[in-house]
Amino acid sequence: MSKEQTKWITTSVVVVLCLLGGFWIARDIVGSVGKRNPGRGTATPARPNNQFDTPNPASKAVPDHASRKAPELLELLLSAPNERIVRFSNDADYKNFLRKLDGKRFRLLGRLDALRALRVGYDDLEDLESLLDGGDAMGNYLVAIPVELPQVDAQPGAAGFGRATLEWLGITGDNSSWGEGVRVAMLDTGVGEHAAFPEGIREIDLITGDGPSIALHGHGTAVAALLVGNDEISQGIAPSADLLSIRIGDDTGSSNSFLLAEGIVRAVDEGAQVINISMGSYGDSSLVRDAVAYANEHQVVIVAAAGNEGLDAPAYPAGYEGVIAVGAVDSSGQHLDFSNTGEDLDLSAPGYEIETAWLDDERTSFSGTSAAAPIVTGTIAATMSEYGGLPAFNATALVIENLNAAGAPGEDPQFGEGIIDVGRVMSSETPGIYDLALASNWYEPPGESDVIGSLLITIENRGTEPMNGQAVEVTIGTDVFPMSVSRLQPGATQVLTLPINKPIGTESILISSVLNLSDSQDSKPSNNSLGGRIVLISEPPSDPTVANPDGSGLPEAQ
């Protein structure tokens, strides 16, 4: 992260949190909803409920602090007030502190024995620190689903998915049995009743405890439907998975690092094989990091939303090693401007205007990386079941091996290693599939010593059979360049490079690439052409991958 961005983020946190002191109790964007008709079992016409997965408050991630070091400003801003997480390196100190805490003027709000961690409320921090002997006290960072703040908008022209998400992912047959025998844990705001859900969803509520019930927030219901929903509105990726809902978010979608860590540990102990987390924070918690390590040690895969602030690093826990960080694309396969980027991003999935379930048999149009994450989680669960009980880590590797290349050649900070393609994953061991695709047209601006930039054309073999050399016709403006692709093995890519002999500052230029296949066996001709406009500037635009110009007739690769 650059110094300029760090300074901007830090300033933004102070301003946002001071001006929006009620942020953590703000209402989620619900809008109008369409309610299912109980008599017919179909959706009645209604205005769309645009549930945009809006940003968490952006900030610089801050380190945890030793128990006797005064908390810094950002830690105070990002932490729950009058609370500390107290941790110990050995059982003796942990138990001794618990004994000393009994009867004192403190509130024991939670304990996580597996990680020797306590959540303690206090009135005077110095009083709490006076009890510490061999322990560290650190901030309990705020974790949340996105709530009602000004949106980081998607770019103009972004295309939604509606009810076509499964088809876009390559799921054309009956997937109702996918996920059978796989336990998936979802850490969110709980699951409401909906006709889309199977009976018997097990729920663990870490919010209510022994107190009175707290109303649900609909975010968890929307996420759950993308995992296991099975009706005409809410079509999940793995409808037969054994879903374990662990509620860590209250009715406003608010949570904290301790509950997040507790939820991860509880999911592992309850036998979850894959964990979905569509929540985020910009507080770097060592407790959550250790909970992630606990899951990885038990061979449990964690998938998390990258966040929606348009920053160059994912939120936590997506930003941690050992977590699959998921960004969002629209139905044209384009990176969405709000989706966080960076070298820690692993892959991208649909995340714009996806129709899914809401509370009380209602429906919503869901956007954001919160929607993209469960699509990846569901795909991993489905891969596990459809490949004969494949372990979670092996299934994840298979999913990543069959991503569709996108953006700049190689791993790209906007797309990670590529865009998920469920159909390709499920057919990866099916012989006789021939599918050569134009994956990306990418403009590479000139370097400091260069006058012109380059067009990088990525061709990918998405089938299961080798494809012989083929002809490619590339048009830049009015100039046509015949090129050729060498023989490609399944999963292999080739990058063709063409200089763009246009001066920097040219407003835009029309380009197109077309595969002229001599072999008629290609199974998906729709991805054999790619076209659009690029802007010739000295710095890369927010998404240099070209989009279709109006009237071009050239479909975007998926």
Protein backbone atom coordinates (compact mmCIF):
# COMPACT_ATOMS: atom_id res chain seq x y z
CA MET A 1 0.00 0.00 0.00
CA SER A 2 1.44 3.39 -0.99
CA LYS A 3 2.21 6.13 1.53
CA GLU A 4 -0.33 8.37 -0.13
CA GLN A 5 -3.07 5.75 0.10
CA THR A 6 -2.20 4.93 3.69
CA LYS A 7 -2.47 8.62 4.58
CA TRP A 8 -5.79 8.88 2.76
CA ILE A 9 -7.20 5.78 4.45
CA THR A 10 -6.09 6.93 7.90
CA THR A 11 -7.68 10.34 7.40
CA SER A 12 -10.84 8.73 6.06
CA VAL A 13 -11.25 6.57 9.13
CA VAL A 14 -11.05 9.51 11.48
CA VAL A 15 -13.50 11.59 9.44
CA VAL A 16 -15.96 8.77 8.76
CA LEU A 17 -16.07 7.47 12.29
CA CYS A 18 -16.37 10.92 13.82
CA LEU A 19 -19.12 12.07 11.46
CA LEU A 20 -20.94 8.75 11.42
CA GLY A 21 -20.82 7.80 15.06
CA GLY A 22 -23.91 5.73 14.60
CA PHE A 23 -22.33 3.57 11.91
CA TRP A 24 -22.35 0.34 13.90
CA ILE A 25 -26.08 0.62 14.53
CA ALA A 26 -27.00 1.85 11.06
CA ARG A 27 -29.70 0.08 9.10
CA ASP A 28 -28.82 -2.20 6.18
CA ILE A 29 -30.06 -1.15 2.79
CA VAL A 30 -33.24 -3.12 2.43
CA GLY A 31 -35.41 -1.18 0.01
CA SER A 32 -38.59 -2.67 -1.32
CA VAL A 33 -39.02 -6.41 -1.56
CA GLY A 34 -41.01 -8.94 -3.54
CA LYS A 35 -42.74 -11.48 -1.37
CA ARG A 36 -43.37 -15.04 -2.45
CA ASN A 37 -46.98 -15.93 -3.05
CA PRO A 38 -47.65 -18.75 -0.55
CA GLY A 39 -50.53 -19.99 -2.61
CA ARG A 40 -48.67 -20.40 -5.89
CA GLY A 41 -45.08 -20.73 -4.74
CA THR A 42 -43.88 -18.13 -7.24
CA ALA A 43 -42.61 -14.59 -6.91
CA THR A 44 -45.14 -11.83 -7.29
CA PRO A 45 -44.12 -8.73 -9.22
CA ALA A 46 -42.50 -6.09 -7.07
CA ARG A 47 -40.01 -3.31 -7.20
CA PRO A 48 -36.46 -4.67 -6.92
CA ASN A 49 -34.88 -4.85 -3.48
CA ASN A 50 -31.33 -3.81 -4.24
CA GLN A 51 -29.31 -5.24 -1.37
CA PHE A 52 -25.96 -3.73 -2.22
CA ASP A 53 -23.13 -5.16 -0.16
CA THR A 54 -21.78 -1.71 0.76
CA PRO A 55 -18.38 -0.89 2.24
CA ASN A 56 -16.94 -1.60 5.62
CA PRO A 57 -15.17 1.50 7.00
CA ALA A 58 -11.78 1.70 5.32
CA SER A 59 -8.68 2.07 7.45
CA LYS A 60 -5.06 1.11 7.72
CA ALA A 61 -4.69 -2.30 9.33
CA VAL A 62 -3.07 -1.82 12.71
CA PRO A 63 -0.99 -4.33 14.67
CA ASP A 64 -1.99 -5.72 18.03
CA HIS A 65 -0.34 -4.04 21.00
CA ALA A 66 1.30 -5.42 24.11
CA SER A 67 -0.80 -5.29 27.25
CA ARG A 68 0.93 -2.31 28.84
CA LYS A 69 1.27 -0.19 25.73
CA ALA A 70 -1.28 2.58 25.36
CA PRO A 71 -3.66 1.84 22.48
CA GLU A 72 -3.10 3.96 19.39
CA LEU A 73 -5.78 6.10 17.77
CA LEU A 74 -6.66 3.68 14.97
CA GLU A 75 -6.92 0.79 17.39
CA LEU A 76 -9.34 2.81 19.50
CA LEU A 77 -11.38 3.76 16.44
CA LEU A 78 -11.59 0.18 15.16
CA SER A 79 -12.15 -1.59 18.49
CA ALA A 80 -15.25 -2.22 20.56
CA PRO A 81 -15.29 0.38 23.37
CA ASN A 82 -14.44 -0.71 26.92
CA GLU A 83 -13.45 -4.18 25.82
CA ARG A 84 -10.13 -5.99 25.48
CA ILE A 85 -9.13 -9.44 24.35
CA VAL A 86 -6.74 -10.94 26.89
CA ARG A 87 -4.46 -13.77 25.74
CA PHE A 88 -1.97 -16.08 27.41
CA SER A 89 0.84 -18.29 26.16
CA ASN A 90 0.33 -21.08 28.71
CA ASP A 91 -2.49 -22.73 30.64
CA ALA A 92 -1.15 -21.80 34.08
CA ASP A 93 -1.24 -18.03 33.44
CA TYR A 94 -4.62 -18.37 31.71
CA LYS A 95 -6.24 -20.16 34.64
CA ASN A 96 -4.56 -17.88 37.18
CA PHE A 97 -6.00 -14.79 35.46
CA LEU A 98 -9.47 -16.33 35.48
CA ARG A 99 -9.22 -16.86 39.21
CA LYS A 100 -8.12 -13.27 39.80
CA LEU A 101 -10.88 -11.96 37.54
CA ASP A 102 -13.59 -13.61 39.60
CA GLY A 103 -15.32 -11.07 41.85
CA LYS A 104 -13.50 -8.07 40.37
CA ARG A 105 -15.09 -5.10 38.65
CA PHE A 106 -14.82 -6.64 35.20
CA ARG A 107 -17.21 -8.41 32.85
CA LEU A 108 -16.22 -11.75 31.36
CA LEU A 109 -17.96 -11.50 27.98
CA GLY A 110 -16.52 -14.62 26.40
CA ARG A 111 -13.84 -17.28 26.65
CA LEU A 112 -12.09 -19.30 23.98
CA ASP A 113 -10.15 -21.99 25.76
CA ALA A 114 -8.66 -23.51 22.60
CA LEU A 115 -6.70 -20.29 22.00
CA ARG A 116 -6.38 -19.21 25.67
CA ALA A 117 -8.32 -16.05 24.98
CA LEU A 118 -10.86 -14.06 26.99
CA ARG A 119 -13.16 -11.22 26.05
CA VAL A 120 -13.25 -8.82 29.00
CA GLY A 121 -15.29 -5.68 29.56
CA TYR A 122 -13.87 -3.01 31.84
CA ASP A 123 -14.49 0.46 33.21
CA ASP A 124 -10.83 1.31 33.83
CA LEU A 125 -8.14 -0.11 31.53
CA GLU A 126 -5.41 0.42 34.11
CA ASP A 127 -7.34 -1.74 36.58
CA LEU A 128 -7.50 -4.51 34.01
CA GLU A 129 -3.82 -4.27 33.13
CA SER A 130 -2.89 -4.43 36.81
CA LEU A 131 -4.20 -8.02 36.88
CA LEU A 132 -2.14 -9.14 33.89
CA ASP A 133 0.76 -11.42 34.60
CA GLY A 134 2.16 -13.11 31.54
CA GLY A 135 -0.78 -12.06 29.36
CA ASP A 136 -1.41 -9.53 26.62
CA ALA A 137 -4.45 -7.31 26.24
CA MET A 138 -5.41 -6.13 22.77
CA GLY A 139 -8.28 -4.45 20.99
CA ASN A 140 -11.42 -6.37 20.07
CA TYR A 141 -11.79 -5.10 16.53
CA LEU A 142 -15.15 -4.39 15.00
CA VAL A 143 -16.22 -6.84 12.30
CA ALA A 144 -19.32 -6.28 10.19
CA ILE A 145 -21.36 -6.98 7.16
CA PRO A 146 -21.46 -3.81 5.11
CA VAL A 147 -24.15 -1.37 6.23
CA GLU A 148 -25.72 1.86 5.14
CA LEU A 149 -22.86 4.08 4.03
CA PRO A 150 -22.31 5.84 0.69
CA GLN A 151 -21.63 3.10 -1.82
CA VAL A 152 -18.41 2.52 -3.72
CA ASP A 153 -20.29 2.19 -6.97
CA ALA A 154 -19.87 -0.38 -9.66
CA GLN A 155 -18.67 1.13 -12.91
CA PRO A 156 -21.28 2.48 -15.37
CA GLY A 157 -22.65 -0.27 -17.55
CA ALA A 158 -21.97 -3.11 -15.09
CA ALA A 159 -24.22 -6.05 -15.98
CA GLY A 160 -26.19 -7.91 -13.33
CA PHE A 161 -26.83 -11.65 -13.05
CA GLY A 162 -30.45 -11.76 -11.89
CA ARG A 163 -31.54 -15.40 -11.85
CA ALA A 164 -28.99 -16.52 -14.46
CA THR A 165 -26.05 -17.08 -12.09
CA LEU A 166 -26.00 -20.89 -12.35
CA GLU A 167 -26.17 -20.83 -16.14
CA TRP A 168 -23.38 -18.25 -16.27
CA LEU A 169 -21.25 -20.51 -14.09
CA GLY A 170 -21.76 -23.41 -16.50
CA ILE A 171 -24.34 -25.30 -14.41
CA THR A 172 -26.93 -26.41 -16.94
CA GLY A 173 -28.20 -29.69 -15.47
CA ASP A 174 -29.71 -30.79 -12.16
CA ASN A 175 -27.34 -29.85 -9.33
CA SER A 176 -29.76 -30.61 -6.47
CA SER A 177 -27.53 -33.40 -5.08
CA TRP A 178 -24.34 -31.35 -5.09
CA GLY A 179 -22.68 -30.95 -1.70
CA GLU A 180 -24.17 -34.14 -0.25
CA GLY A 181 -22.10 -35.38 2.66
CA VAL A 182 -20.17 -32.11 3.03
CA ARG A 183 -20.55 -29.91 6.11
CA VAL A 184 -20.31 -26.21 5.33
CA ALA A 185 -20.25 -23.63 8.12
CA MET A 186 -21.45 -20.09 7.48
CA LEU A 187 -20.37 -17.36 9.91
CA ASP A 188 -22.88 -14.55 9.44
CA THR A 189 -26.07 -13.06 10.88
CA GLY A 190 -28.10 -16.26 11.07
CA VAL A 191 -30.64 -17.80 8.69
CA GLY A 192 -34.30 -16.87 8.50
CA GLU A 193 -37.15 -19.05 7.32
CA HIS A 194 -37.50 -19.37 3.56
CA ALA A 195 -39.07 -21.86 1.18
CA ALA A 196 -35.74 -22.09 -0.64
CA PHE A 197 -34.04 -23.86 2.27
CA PRO A 198 -34.00 -27.54 3.11
CA GLU A 199 -35.23 -28.62 6.51
CA GLY A 200 -32.77 -29.23 9.29
CA ILE A 201 -30.31 -26.35 8.95
CA ARG A 202 -28.44 -26.49 12.24
CA GLU A 203 -27.87 -23.15 13.94
CA ILE A 204 -25.49 -22.03 16.68
CA ASP A 205 -26.16 -18.57 18.07
CA LEU A 206 -23.10 -16.87 19.58
CA ILE A 207 -24.94 -13.53 19.76
CA THR A 208 -28.03 -14.19 21.87
CA GLY A 209 -26.48 -16.58 24.39
CA ASP A 210 -28.71 -16.89 27.45
CA GLY A 211 -30.29 -13.49 26.89
CA PRO A 212 -33.49 -12.53 25.06
CA SER A 213 -33.72 -13.27 21.35
CA ILE A 214 -32.42 -10.67 18.93
CA ALA A 215 -34.00 -10.11 15.53
CA LEU A 216 -32.16 -11.49 12.52
CA HIS A 217 -30.52 -9.43 9.82
CA GLY A 218 -31.28 -10.66 6.30
CA HIS A 219 -27.66 -10.76 5.13
CA GLY A 220 -27.09 -14.30 6.40
CA THR A 221 -30.25 -15.54 4.71
CA ALA A 222 -29.09 -14.12 1.36
CA VAL A 223 -25.66 -15.74 1.73
CA ALA A 224 -27.14 -19.10 2.80
CA ALA A 225 -29.40 -19.22 -0.26
CA LEU A 226 -26.39 -18.89 -2.56
CA LEU A 227 -24.96 -21.93 -0.80
CA VAL A 228 -27.95 -24.28 -0.36
CA GLY A 229 -31.01 -22.54 -1.81
CA ASN A 230 -33.13 -24.75 -4.03
CA ASP A 231 -36.07 -22.98 -5.61
CA GLU A 232 -36.71 -20.93 -8.74
CA ILE A 233 -35.55 -17.71 -7.06
CA SER A 234 -32.65 -18.77 -4.87
CA GLN A 235 -30.53 -21.32 -6.64
CA GLY A 236 -27.61 -22.50 -4.53
CA ILE A 237 -24.42 -24.10 -5.80
CA ALA A 238 -24.53 -27.02 -3.33
CA PRO A 239 -28.17 -27.51 -2.26
CA SER A 240 -27.52 -30.85 -0.50
CA ALA A 241 -24.64 -29.63 1.66
CA ASP A 242 -25.06 -29.91 5.43
CA LEU A 243 -25.22 -26.21 6.33
CA LEU A 244 -24.16 -25.16 9.83
CA SER A 245 -25.16 -21.55 10.50
CA ILE A 246 -23.04 -19.93 13.21
CA ARG A 247 -24.48 -16.55 14.10
CA ILE A 248 -21.80 -13.99 14.96
CA GLY A 249 -23.60 -10.86 13.71
CA ASP A 250 -26.44 -9.02 15.45
CA ASP A 251 -29.51 -7.41 13.93
CA THR A 252 -27.40 -4.54 12.53
CA GLY A 253 -24.78 -6.92 11.10
CA SER A 254 -22.17 -5.98 13.70
CA SER A 255 -19.70 -8.40 15.25
CA ASN A 256 -16.11 -8.38 16.53
CA SER A 257 -12.80 -10.20 16.30
CA PHE A 258 -13.47 -12.38 19.34
CA LEU A 259 -16.79 -13.67 17.99
CA LEU A 260 -15.23 -14.23 14.57
CA ALA A 261 -12.40 -16.28 16.07
CA GLU A 262 -14.85 -18.14 18.32
CA GLY A 263 -17.03 -18.91 15.32
CA ILE A 264 -14.11 -20.31 13.33
CA VAL A 265 -12.99 -22.55 16.19
CA ARG A 266 -16.56 -23.69 16.85
CA ALA A 267 -17.06 -24.53 13.16
CA VAL A 268 -13.91 -26.65 13.14
CA ASP A 269 -14.89 -28.44 16.35
CA GLU A 270 -18.35 -29.14 14.92
CA GLY A 271 -16.86 -30.94 11.93
CA ALA A 272 -17.12 -28.28 9.22
CA GLN A 273 -14.97 -28.95 6.16
CA VAL A 274 -15.44 -25.55 4.52
CA ILE A 275 -16.20 -22.21 6.23
CA ASN A 276 -17.76 -19.19 4.51
CA ILE A 277 -17.19 -15.70 5.96
CA SER A 278 -18.97 -12.84 4.18
CA MET A 279 -17.96 -10.31 6.82
CA GLY A 280 -14.87 -8.15 7.20
CA SER A 281 -12.71 -5.86 9.28
CA TYR A 282 -9.66 -3.65 8.89
CA GLY A 283 -8.33 -4.50 12.31
CA ASP A 284 -5.54 -7.07 12.12
CA SER A 285 -6.29 -9.43 15.00
CA SER A 286 -3.73 -12.01 16.10
CA LEU A 287 -6.59 -13.99 17.64
CA VAL A 288 -8.36 -14.31 14.30
CA ARG A 289 -5.07 -15.20 12.60
CA ASP A 290 -4.57 -17.99 15.12
CA ALA A 291 -8.14 -19.19 14.60
CA VAL A 292 -7.45 -19.39 10.86
CA ALA A 293 -4.31 -21.41 11.60
CA TYR A 294 -6.39 -23.69 13.86
CA ALA A 295 -8.77 -24.35 10.95
CA ASN A 296 -5.94 -24.99 8.49
CA GLU A 297 -4.28 -27.41 10.91
CA HIS A 298 -7.52 -29.37 10.91
CA GLN A 299 -7.66 -29.35 7.08
CA VAL A 300 -10.60 -26.94 6.99
CA VAL A 301 -10.79 -24.47 4.10
CA ILE A 302 -11.88 -20.88 4.83
CA VAL A 303 -13.38 -18.71 2.08
CA ALA A 304 -13.91 -14.97 2.74
CA ALA A 305 -15.14 -11.86 0.96
CA ALA A 306 -12.36 -9.50 -0.13
CA GLY A 307 -14.35 -6.34 0.71
CA ASN A 308 -15.98 -3.52 -1.24
CA GLU A 309 -13.93 -0.39 -0.63
CA GLY A 310 -12.01 -0.43 -3.93
CA LEU A 311 -8.73 -0.69 -1.99
CA ASP A 312 -5.57 -2.45 -3.11
CA ALA A 313 -5.70 -5.02 -0.29
CA PRO A 314 -8.47 -7.37 0.90
CA ALA A 315 -10.16 -6.87 4.26
CA TYR A 316 -9.56 -9.36 7.07
CA PRO A 317 -9.92 -12.31 7.34
CA ALA A 318 -9.70 -12.55 3.53
CA GLY A 319 -6.27 -10.88 3.69
CA TYR A 320 -4.78 -13.59 5.91
CA GLU A 321 -2.60 -16.41 4.68
CA GLY A 322 -4.64 -19.59 4.72
CA VAL A 323 -7.88 -17.88 3.63
CA ILE A 324 -9.29 -17.93 0.08
CA ALA A 325 -9.93 -14.25 -0.74
CA VAL A 326 -12.76 -13.71 -3.25
CA GLY A 327 -13.32 -10.66 -5.43
CA ALA A 328 -16.38 -9.86 -7.54
CA VAL A 329 -17.14 -9.63 -11.27
CA ASP A 330 -20.25 -8.72 -13.23
CA SER A 331 -21.96 -10.89 -15.85
CA SER A 332 -19.65 -9.56 -18.56
CA GLY A 333 -16.72 -10.99 -16.63
CA GLN A 334 -15.49 -7.51 -15.73
CA HIS A 335 -13.88 -6.66 -12.40
CA LEU A 336 -16.26 -4.50 -10.35
CA ASP A 337 -14.79 -1.19 -9.22
CA PHE A 338 -15.85 -1.64 -5.59
CA SER A 339 -14.16 -5.04 -5.22
CA ASN A 340 -10.87 -4.86 -3.29
CA THR A 341 -7.78 -5.94 -5.18
CA GLY A 342 -4.16 -6.82 -4.42
CA GLU A 343 -1.65 -9.64 -4.41
CA ASP A 344 -3.57 -11.44 -1.64
CA LEU A 345 -6.68 -11.82 -3.84
CA ASP A 346 -7.08 -15.46 -4.90
CA LEU A 347 -9.94 -15.53 -7.40
CA SER A 348 -13.13 -13.82 -8.53
CA ALA A 349 -16.79 -14.86 -8.76
CA PRO A 350 -20.19 -13.35 -9.60
CA GLY A 351 -21.05 -10.46 -7.30
CA TYR A 352 -23.52 -8.06 -8.91
CA GLU A 353 -27.32 -7.96 -8.75
CA ILE A 354 -27.79 -11.65 -7.98
CA GLU A 355 -31.33 -12.58 -7.06
CA THR A 356 -31.42 -14.49 -3.80
CA ALA A 357 -33.50 -15.08 -0.66
CA TRP A 358 -34.27 -12.65 2.14
CA LEU A 359 -36.12 -12.92 5.42
CA ASP A 360 -39.75 -14.14 5.54
CA ASP A 361 -39.82 -15.69 2.07
CA GLU A 362 -38.82 -12.43 0.46
CA ARG A 363 -36.23 -11.90 -2.27
CA THR A 364 -33.42 -9.43 -2.84
CA SER A 365 -30.96 -8.30 -5.48
CA PHE A 366 -27.60 -8.92 -3.85
CA SER A 367 -24.32 -7.26 -4.88
CA GLY A 368 -20.83 -7.33 -3.43
CA THR A 369 -18.05 -9.70 -2.47
CA SER A 370 -20.40 -11.07 0.21
CA ALA A 371 -22.29 -12.67 -2.68
CA ALA A 372 -19.15 -13.83 -4.49
CA ALA A 373 -17.70 -15.71 -1.49
CA PRO A 374 -20.53 -18.27 -1.02
CA ILE A 375 -20.45 -19.06 -4.73
CA VAL A 376 -16.83 -20.16 -4.29
CA THR A 377 -17.62 -21.96 -1.02
CA GLY A 378 -20.51 -23.80 -2.66
CA THR A 379 -18.34 -24.76 -5.61
CA ILE A 380 -15.74 -26.29 -3.30
CA ALA A 381 -18.44 -28.25 -1.47
CA ALA A 382 -19.96 -29.42 -4.75
CA THR A 383 -16.53 -30.48 -6.04
CA MET A 384 -15.94 -32.49 -2.87
CA SER A 385 -19.17 -34.45 -3.30
CA GLU A 386 -19.06 -34.87 -7.06
CA TYR A 387 -15.50 -36.17 -7.00
CA GLY A 388 -16.23 -38.94 -4.52
CA GLY A 389 -15.53 -37.29 -1.19
CA LEU A 390 -12.48 -35.31 -2.27
CA PRO A 391 -10.84 -33.56 0.74
CA ALA A 392 -11.52 -29.83 1.00
CA PHE A 393 -7.98 -28.71 0.21
CA ASN A 394 -7.81 -30.99 -2.85
CA ALA A 395 -11.19 -29.74 -4.05
CA THR A 396 -10.02 -26.15 -3.64
CA ALA A 397 -6.92 -26.89 -5.70
CA LEU A 398 -9.09 -28.40 -8.46
CA VAL A 399 -11.33 -25.33 -8.50
CA ILE A 400 -8.32 -23.02 -8.80
CA GLU A 401 -6.74 -25.18 -11.53
CA ASN A 402 -9.88 -24.66 -13.63
CA LEU A 403 -10.31 -20.90 -13.27
CA ASN A 404 -10.74 -18.88 -16.45
CA ALA A 405 -7.85 -16.52 -17.11
CA ALA A 406 -8.79 -12.83 -16.97
CA GLY A 407 -7.14 -9.44 -16.87
CA ALA A 408 -3.39 -9.15 -17.20
CA PRO A 409 -1.50 -12.34 -18.08
CA GLY A 410 -0.75 -14.51 -15.06
CA GLU A 411 -2.04 -13.75 -11.60
CA ASP A 412 -3.76 -10.39 -11.74
CA PRO A 413 -4.43 -8.13 -8.72
CA GLN A 414 -7.97 -7.43 -9.93
CA PHE A 415 -9.01 -11.02 -10.65
CA GLY A 416 -6.57 -13.10 -8.62
CA GLU A 417 -5.78 -16.30 -10.49
CA GLY A 418 -8.95 -16.03 -12.56
CA ILE A 419 -12.75 -16.26 -12.63
CA ILE A 420 -14.58 -19.31 -11.33
CA ASP A 421 -16.07 -21.68 -13.92
CA VAL A 422 -18.10 -24.42 -12.24
CA GLY A 423 -18.90 -26.23 -15.48
CA ARG A 424 -15.22 -26.49 -16.29
CA VAL A 425 -14.45 -27.85 -12.81
CA MET A 426 -17.13 -30.53 -13.07
CA SER A 427 -16.01 -31.65 -16.53
CA SER A 428 -12.26 -31.48 -15.85
CA GLU A 429 -11.92 -35.27 -16.03
CA THR A 430 -14.30 -35.72 -18.96
CA PRO A 431 -12.37 -36.56 -22.15
CA GLY A 432 -13.20 -35.18 -25.56
CA ILE A 433 -13.86 -31.52 -24.67
CA TYR A 434 -12.36 -29.02 -27.12
CA ASP A 435 -12.61 -25.41 -26.02
CA LEU A 436 -10.11 -22.77 -27.07
CA ALA A 437 -11.01 -19.34 -25.71
CA LEU A 438 -9.97 -15.73 -26.09
CA ALA A 439 -9.57 -15.02 -22.38
CA SER A 440 -8.41 -11.41 -22.32
CA ASN A 441 -7.38 -8.35 -24.31
CA TRP A 442 -5.19 -6.34 -21.97
CA TYR A 443 -3.65 -2.93 -22.60
CA GLU A 444 -0.18 -2.57 -21.14
CA PRO A 445 0.75 1.14 -20.98
CA PRO A 446 4.25 2.22 -21.96
CA GLY A 447 7.06 2.22 -19.44
CA GLU A 448 9.12 5.30 -18.57
CA SER A 449 11.40 4.86 -21.59
CA ASP A 450 8.69 3.72 -24.02
CA VAL A 451 6.61 5.73 -26.44
CA ILE A 452 3.84 3.25 -27.15
CA GLY A 453 2.01 0.58 -25.21
CA SER A 454 1.12 -2.99 -26.09
CA LEU A 455 -1.96 -5.12 -26.48
CA LEU A 456 -1.61 -8.48 -24.72
CA ILE A 457 -4.01 -11.13 -26.02
CA THR A 458 -4.41 -14.22 -23.80
CA ILE A 459 -5.63 -17.45 -25.40
CA GLU A 460 -6.55 -20.32 -23.08
CA ASN A 461 -7.36 -24.00 -23.63
CA ARG A 462 -10.38 -24.55 -21.37
CA GLY A 463 -11.07 -28.04 -22.65
CA THR A 464 -9.70 -31.44 -21.73
CA GLU A 465 -7.94 -32.20 -25.03
CA PRO A 466 -4.90 -30.58 -26.69
CA MET A 467 -5.76 -28.02 -29.36
CA ASN A 468 -3.63 -27.64 -32.45
CA GLY A 469 -2.30 -24.29 -33.64
CA GLN A 470 -5.00 -21.87 -34.72
CA ALA A 471 -5.21 -18.53 -36.48
CA VAL A 472 -6.05 -15.31 -34.63
CA GLU A 473 -7.06 -12.08 -36.30
CA VAL A 474 -6.46 -8.97 -34.21
CA THR A 475 -7.85 -5.59 -35.22
CA ILE A 476 -6.50 -2.38 -33.66
CA GLY A 477 -8.36 0.62 -35.00
CA THR A 478 -8.37 0.03 -38.74
CA ASP A 479 -5.23 -2.14 -38.79
CA VAL A 480 -5.60 -5.92 -39.05
CA PHE A 481 -2.91 -8.28 -37.78
CA PRO A 482 -3.00 -12.01 -38.59
CA MET A 483 -1.36 -14.06 -35.83
CA SER A 484 -1.20 -17.70 -34.78
CA VAL A 485 -1.49 -19.77 -31.64
CA SER A 486 0.75 -22.76 -31.01
CA ARG A 487 -0.54 -26.16 -29.87
CA LEU A 488 -1.95 -25.80 -26.34
CA GLN A 489 -2.38 -28.51 -23.74
CA PRO A 490 -5.50 -28.50 -21.51
CA GLY A 491 -5.36 -25.57 -19.09
CA ALA A 492 -2.44 -23.93 -20.88
CA THR A 493 -2.40 -20.30 -22.03
CA GLN A 494 -0.47 -18.35 -24.64
CA VAL A 495 -0.02 -14.58 -24.69
CA LEU A 496 0.30 -12.73 -28.00
CA THR A 497 1.79 -9.22 -27.97
CA LEU A 498 1.12 -6.39 -30.39
CA PRO A 499 2.47 -2.82 -30.18
CA ILE A 500 -0.19 -0.11 -30.32
CA ASN A 501 1.15 2.58 -32.62
CA LYS A 502 -1.03 5.34 -31.28
CA PRO A 503 0.16 8.25 -29.16
CA ILE A 504 -0.67 8.45 -25.47
CA GLY A 505 -3.65 10.70 -24.90
CA THR A 506 -5.73 9.28 -27.75
CA GLU A 507 -9.22 9.18 -26.29
CA SER A 508 -9.97 5.56 -27.16
CA ILE A 509 -9.38 2.97 -29.81
CA LEU A 510 -11.51 0.05 -31.00
CA ILE A 511 -9.89 -3.37 -30.83
CA SER A 512 -11.06 -6.90 -31.46
CA SER A 513 -9.60 -10.40 -31.45
CA VAL A 514 -11.12 -13.37 -33.26
CA LEU A 515 -10.09 -17.03 -33.22
CA ASN A 516 -10.56 -18.49 -36.71
CA LEU A 517 -10.68 -22.15 -35.75
CA SER A 518 -9.90 -24.63 -38.47
CA ASP A 519 -11.15 -27.38 -36.15
CA SER A 520 -14.94 -27.41 -35.93
CA GLN A 521 -14.89 -29.43 -32.67
CA ASP A 522 -14.75 -26.34 -30.45
CA SER A 523 -17.54 -26.74 -27.89
CA LYS A 524 -18.05 -23.09 -26.98
CA PRO A 525 -17.74 -20.76 -29.98
CA SER A 526 -19.16 -17.90 -27.91
CA ASN A 527 -15.73 -17.36 -26.31
CA ASN A 528 -13.84 -17.31 -29.64
CA SER A 529 -14.11 -13.53 -30.08
CA LEU A 530 -13.53 -10.56 -27.84
CA GLY A 531 -13.80 -6.87 -28.56
CA GLY A 532 -14.18 -3.43 -27.09
CA ARG A 533 -12.49 -0.08 -26.60
CA ILE A 534 -9.38 0.84 -24.68
CA VAL A 535 -8.23 4.22 -23.49
CA LEU A 536 -4.60 5.03 -24.21
CA ILE A 537 -3.25 6.55 -21.01
CA SER A 538 0.08 6.41 -19.22
CA GLU A 539 -1.33 4.63 -16.15
CA PRO A 540 -3.58 1.53 -16.20
CA PRO A 541 -7.30 2.33 -15.86
CA SER A 542 -9.30 0.77 -13.03
CA ASP A 543 -10.02 -2.17 -15.33
CA PRO A 544 -8.00 -2.14 -18.56
CA THR A 545 -9.79 -5.28 -19.79
CA VAL A 546 -11.90 -4.08 -22.67
CA ALA A 547 -15.67 -4.27 -22.64
CA ASN A 548 -17.94 -4.64 -25.63
CA PRO A 549 -18.63 -1.41 -27.52
CA ASP A 550 -22.21 -0.76 -28.46
CA GLY A 551 -23.07 -2.53 -31.67
CA SER A 552 -19.81 -4.46 -31.92
CA GLY A 553 -21.55 -7.84 -31.79
CA LEU A 554 -18.48 -9.38 -30.16
CA PRO A 555 -19.28 -11.34 -26.99
CA GLU A 556 -17.15 -10.88 -23.90
CA ALA A 557 -15.21 -13.93 -22.80
CA GLN A 558 -16.31 -15.63 -19.61
